[in-house]
Amino acid sequence: MNAKLEAFINSIMQAATLADLEQTILNLRELYDVEHLIYHSVNSTNQQYAVLTYKDEWVERYLEQDYARVDPVVLGCYTRFHPVDWKQLDWSGKASRNFLGEAIDEGVGNQGLSVPIRGPNGQFALFTVNHRADDVEWQKYSEKNMQDLILVAHFINQKALELERGSDELPSASLSPRETDALTLLALGMNRAQAAENLSISEHTLRVYIESARFKLGASNTTHAVARALVKGLLVV
């Protein structure tokens, strides 16, 4: 784990209130050099928590016009489990194009990366970074920062759940030594082939350990499993 990411995760873990967490999230804007970022969560009791850097006028306009019903980011991410580059979404409809034009006029960047998160008991959250850049610049940025931002998204979400009333908490999971080893090596930045070689096992066997750990942790994917395990103190990296 690089020093920048480790320092930010430590600041998330130290947040004692949702207000603390909000300031920590806002610091991410400068840390990862993005123009805007958004974290929005709706938990199992329909309580909402949001932190975002868009202009108040645009937020009010968005809510007033109920743009969530035509926003391709919201509609696309609600049916996906993996990070979504905005270029992958369908902006072909007239309503979508008009919405995008208005958003850009209000200072929203033309590039974006959104991480959909599905927590316990039906909780859903969306973490987005947004920037003005051409396609080549944005591709380089995404390739460099994608894994960091996915981990950050899940750490933020887990901390937000912990700071709420607790209704979304899951029982602590217990991982086997091999499951712990597998996730630890992934958390250290190894790919699956490197982790399997380090443990002297096949990639197929490694996949079994990872999937077992993912199931125990209630994670939607491997990166989510690593984040949950780190949050719960099950890994030492």
Protein backbone atom coordinates (compact mmCIF):
# COMPACT_ATOMS: atom_id res chain seq x y z
CA MET A 1 0.00 0.00 0.00
CA ASN A 2 1.53 3.35 -0.98
CA ALA A 3 2.18 6.04 1.62
CA LYS A 4 -0.44 8.45 0.24
CA LEU A 5 -3.20 5.85 0.38
CA GLU A 6 -2.14 4.58 3.81
CA ALA A 7 -2.18 8.10 5.28
CA PHE A 8 -5.64 8.79 3.88
CA ILE A 9 -7.06 5.50 5.14
CA ASN A 10 -5.65 6.26 8.60
CA SER A 11 -7.46 9.60 8.55
CA ILE A 12 -10.71 7.82 7.65
CA MET A 13 -10.26 5.39 10.54
CA GLN A 14 -9.71 8.26 12.98
CA ALA A 15 -12.97 10.04 12.08
CA ALA A 16 -15.20 10.07 15.16
CA THR A 17 -18.28 11.75 13.66
CA LEU A 18 -19.90 12.13 10.26
CA ALA A 19 -18.68 15.75 10.25
CA ASP A 20 -15.11 14.49 10.73
CA LEU A 21 -15.61 12.04 7.89
CA GLU A 22 -16.96 14.80 5.65
CA GLN A 23 -13.81 16.87 6.08
CA THR A 24 -11.65 13.81 5.46
CA ILE A 25 -13.50 13.07 2.23
CA LEU A 26 -13.13 16.67 1.08
CA ASN A 27 -9.37 16.41 1.64
CA LEU A 28 -9.34 13.64 -0.94
CA ARG A 29 -10.05 16.23 -3.64
CA GLU A 30 -6.58 17.72 -3.31
CA LEU A 31 -4.84 14.47 -2.45
CA TYR A 32 -5.86 12.81 -5.72
CA ASP A 33 -5.97 16.02 -7.77
CA VAL A 34 -9.57 15.86 -8.98
CA GLU A 35 -11.94 18.73 -9.61
CA HIS A 36 -14.96 17.19 -7.91
CA LEU A 37 -15.86 14.20 -5.78
CA ILE A 38 -19.15 12.83 -4.51
CA TYR A 39 -20.06 10.24 -1.90
CA HIS A 40 -23.77 9.50 -1.48
CA SER A 41 -25.24 6.71 0.62
CA VAL A 42 -28.77 5.47 1.26
CA ASN A 43 -28.92 2.91 4.07
CA SER A 44 -31.44 0.23 4.92
CA THR A 45 -33.65 2.67 6.86
CA ASN A 46 -33.61 5.14 3.91
CA GLN A 47 -31.34 7.58 5.74
CA GLN A 48 -29.07 9.49 3.40
CA TYR A 49 -25.57 10.86 3.86
CA ALA A 50 -23.82 12.89 1.17
CA VAL A 51 -20.56 14.75 0.73
CA LEU A 52 -19.92 16.55 -2.55
CA THR A 53 -18.06 19.47 -4.04
CA TYR A 54 -20.48 20.66 -6.74
CA LYS A 55 -21.87 24.19 -6.53
CA ASP A 56 -24.93 24.56 -4.32
CA GLU A 57 -26.88 26.01 -7.27
CA TRP A 58 -26.27 22.87 -9.34
CA VAL A 59 -27.21 20.56 -6.46
CA GLU A 60 -30.46 22.48 -5.93
CA ARG A 61 -31.20 22.39 -9.66
CA TYR A 62 -30.48 18.65 -9.81
CA LEU A 63 -32.88 17.92 -6.94
CA GLU A 64 -35.54 20.35 -8.15
CA GLN A 65 -35.63 18.78 -11.62
CA ASP A 66 -35.31 15.23 -10.26
CA TYR A 67 -32.40 14.61 -12.62
CA ALA A 68 -31.66 11.26 -10.97
CA ARG A 69 -34.37 9.79 -13.22
CA VAL A 70 -32.36 10.66 -16.37
CA ASP A 71 -28.77 10.77 -15.05
CA PRO A 72 -26.88 7.95 -16.83
CA VAL A 73 -24.39 7.76 -13.93
CA VAL A 74 -27.11 6.98 -11.40
CA LEU A 75 -29.06 4.70 -13.74
CA GLY A 76 -25.95 2.89 -14.97
CA CYS A 77 -24.28 2.36 -11.61
CA TYR A 78 -27.45 1.08 -9.95
CA THR A 79 -27.32 -1.97 -12.23
CA ARG A 80 -23.56 -2.52 -12.01
CA PHE A 81 -21.17 -3.90 -9.41
CA HIS A 82 -17.84 -2.75 -10.82
CA PRO A 83 -16.30 0.73 -11.25
CA VAL A 84 -17.75 2.61 -14.19
CA ASP A 85 -15.98 5.12 -16.41
CA TRP A 86 -18.58 7.62 -17.60
CA LYS A 87 -17.53 7.02 -21.20
CA GLN A 88 -18.97 3.49 -20.85
CA LEU A 89 -22.45 4.82 -20.15
CA ASP A 90 -25.23 5.56 -22.60
CA TRP A 91 -25.47 9.31 -23.23
CA SER A 92 -27.23 8.97 -26.59
CA GLY A 93 -30.74 9.98 -25.52
CA LYS A 94 -31.85 13.58 -25.90
CA ALA A 95 -32.63 13.94 -22.18
CA SER A 96 -29.19 12.57 -21.27
CA ARG A 97 -27.40 14.87 -23.70
CA ASN A 98 -29.30 17.92 -22.45
CA PHE A 99 -28.56 16.93 -18.87
CA LEU A 100 -24.84 16.53 -19.60
CA GLY A 101 -24.68 19.89 -21.36
CA GLU A 102 -26.32 21.64 -18.43
CA ALA A 103 -24.05 19.84 -15.95
CA ILE A 104 -20.91 20.91 -17.80
CA ASP A 105 -22.20 24.49 -17.94
CA GLU A 106 -22.52 24.31 -14.14
CA GLY A 107 -18.91 23.24 -13.65
CA VAL A 108 -19.19 19.46 -13.73
CA GLY A 109 -16.21 17.90 -15.51
CA ASN A 110 -16.56 15.95 -18.73
CA GLN A 111 -14.78 12.88 -17.31
CA GLY A 112 -15.80 10.75 -14.36
CA LEU A 113 -15.25 7.47 -12.56
CA SER A 114 -17.96 6.07 -10.28
CA VAL A 115 -17.74 3.17 -7.82
CA PRO A 116 -21.09 1.57 -6.92
CA ILE A 117 -21.12 0.03 -3.44
CA ARG A 118 -23.66 -2.40 -2.05
CA GLY A 119 -23.52 -2.69 1.71
CA PRO A 120 -25.42 -4.87 4.17
CA ASN A 121 -29.21 -4.94 4.40
CA GLY A 122 -29.82 -3.21 1.09
CA GLN A 123 -27.55 -0.21 1.62
CA PHE A 124 -26.39 1.43 -1.62
CA ALA A 125 -23.73 4.06 -2.07
CA LEU A 126 -21.96 5.74 -4.95
CA PHE A 127 -18.48 7.25 -4.87
CA THR A 128 -17.45 9.41 -7.83
CA VAL A 129 -14.42 11.44 -8.88
CA ASN A 130 -14.97 13.94 -11.66
CA HIS A 131 -12.57 16.07 -13.68
CA ARG A 132 -12.05 18.15 -16.82
CA ALA A 133 -9.58 16.38 -19.09
CA ASP A 134 -9.25 14.95 -22.55
CA ASP A 135 -9.61 11.21 -23.12
CA VAL A 136 -5.86 10.50 -23.16
CA GLU A 137 -5.20 12.39 -19.92
CA TRP A 138 -8.15 10.73 -18.22
CA GLN A 139 -7.09 7.25 -19.29
CA LYS A 140 -3.64 7.80 -17.78
CA TYR A 141 -5.19 9.16 -14.60
CA SER A 142 -7.59 6.20 -14.28
CA GLU A 143 -4.86 3.63 -14.87
CA LYS A 144 -2.70 5.24 -12.20
CA ASN A 145 -5.35 5.78 -9.52
CA MET A 146 -8.16 3.27 -10.15
CA GLN A 147 -7.21 0.72 -7.47
CA ASP A 148 -6.56 3.42 -4.85
CA LEU A 149 -9.91 5.06 -5.48
CA ILE A 150 -11.80 1.76 -5.26
CA LEU A 151 -10.23 1.02 -1.87
CA VAL A 152 -10.90 4.56 -0.68
CA ALA A 153 -14.55 4.27 -1.72
CA HIS A 154 -15.07 1.12 0.32
CA PHE A 155 -13.22 2.48 3.36
CA ILE A 156 -15.34 5.64 3.29
CA ASN A 157 -18.52 3.61 3.01
CA GLN A 158 -17.58 1.25 5.83
CA LYS A 159 -16.72 4.16 8.12
CA ALA A 160 -19.97 5.96 7.28
CA LEU A 161 -21.90 2.83 8.25
CA GLU A 162 -19.99 2.52 11.52
CA LEU A 163 -20.75 6.13 12.42
CA GLU A 164 -24.46 5.76 11.78
CA ARG A 165 -26.84 4.05 14.16
CA GLY A 166 -25.34 0.62 13.72
CA SER A 167 -28.34 -0.99 12.03
CA ASP A 168 -26.20 -1.86 9.04
CA GLU A 169 -23.40 -3.56 10.94
CA LEU A 170 -22.51 -7.14 10.03
CA PRO A 171 -21.20 -9.70 12.52
CA SER A 172 -17.41 -9.92 12.51
CA ALA A 173 -16.08 -12.48 10.07
CA SER A 174 -13.37 -14.97 10.92
CA LEU A 175 -10.93 -15.78 8.12
CA SER A 176 -8.77 -18.88 7.88
CA PRO A 177 -4.97 -18.40 7.88
CA ARG A 178 -4.81 -19.09 4.13
CA GLU A 179 -7.67 -16.67 3.39
CA THR A 180 -5.85 -14.04 5.45
CA ASP A 181 -2.59 -14.70 3.61
CA ALA A 182 -4.28 -14.40 0.22
CA LEU A 183 -5.97 -11.08 0.99
CA THR A 184 -2.85 -9.70 2.66
CA LEU A 185 -0.73 -10.27 -0.44
CA LEU A 186 -3.39 -8.62 -2.61
CA ALA A 187 -3.51 -5.68 -0.18
CA LEU A 188 0.26 -5.34 -0.58
CA GLY A 189 -0.23 -4.83 -4.30
CA MET A 190 0.53 -8.27 -5.70
CA ASN A 191 -1.55 -9.63 -8.57
CA ARG A 192 -3.07 -13.10 -8.35
CA ALA A 193 -0.20 -14.82 -10.12
CA GLN A 194 2.36 -13.25 -7.79
CA ALA A 195 0.28 -14.06 -4.70
CA ALA A 196 -0.16 -17.68 -5.77
CA GLU A 197 3.57 -18.05 -6.40
CA ASN A 198 4.38 -16.49 -3.02
CA LEU A 199 2.08 -18.99 -1.28
CA SER A 200 3.30 -21.90 -3.44
CA ILE A 201 -0.21 -22.72 -4.59
CA SER A 202 -2.01 -22.64 -7.94
CA GLU A 203 -4.02 -19.62 -9.06
CA HIS A 204 -7.12 -21.82 -8.95
CA THR A 205 -6.51 -22.64 -5.27
CA LEU A 206 -5.82 -18.96 -4.56
CA ARG A 207 -9.13 -18.07 -6.20
CA VAL A 208 -10.92 -20.53 -3.89
CA TYR A 209 -9.44 -18.82 -0.82
CA ILE A 210 -10.31 -15.36 -2.14
CA GLU A 211 -13.89 -16.29 -2.97
CA SER A 212 -14.34 -17.93 0.42
CA ALA A 213 -13.05 -14.80 2.16
CA ARG A 214 -15.23 -12.60 -0.03
CA PHE A 215 -18.32 -14.61 0.94
CA LYS A 216 -17.51 -14.44 4.67
CA LEU A 217 -16.96 -10.69 4.48
CA GLY A 218 -20.12 -10.01 2.47
CA ALA A 219 -18.03 -8.29 -0.20
CA SER A 220 -19.19 -7.65 -3.76
CA ASN A 221 -15.74 -8.20 -5.29
CA THR A 222 -12.12 -8.90 -4.37
CA THR A 223 -11.16 -5.26 -3.82
CA HIS A 224 -14.18 -4.84 -1.56
CA ALA A 225 -13.11 -7.94 0.39
CA VAL A 226 -9.62 -6.52 0.93
CA ALA A 227 -11.09 -3.21 2.10
CA ARG A 228 -13.51 -4.89 4.51
CA ALA A 229 -10.76 -7.10 5.93
CA LEU A 230 -8.50 -4.08 6.47
CA VAL A 231 -11.30 -2.10 8.12
CA LYS A 232 -12.04 -4.99 10.50
CA GLY A 233 -8.38 -5.36 11.44
CA LEU A 234 -8.12 -8.82 9.95
CA LEU A 235 -5.04 -7.96 7.89
CA VAL A 236 -1.70 -6.47 8.86
CA VAL A 237 0.04 -4.69 5.97
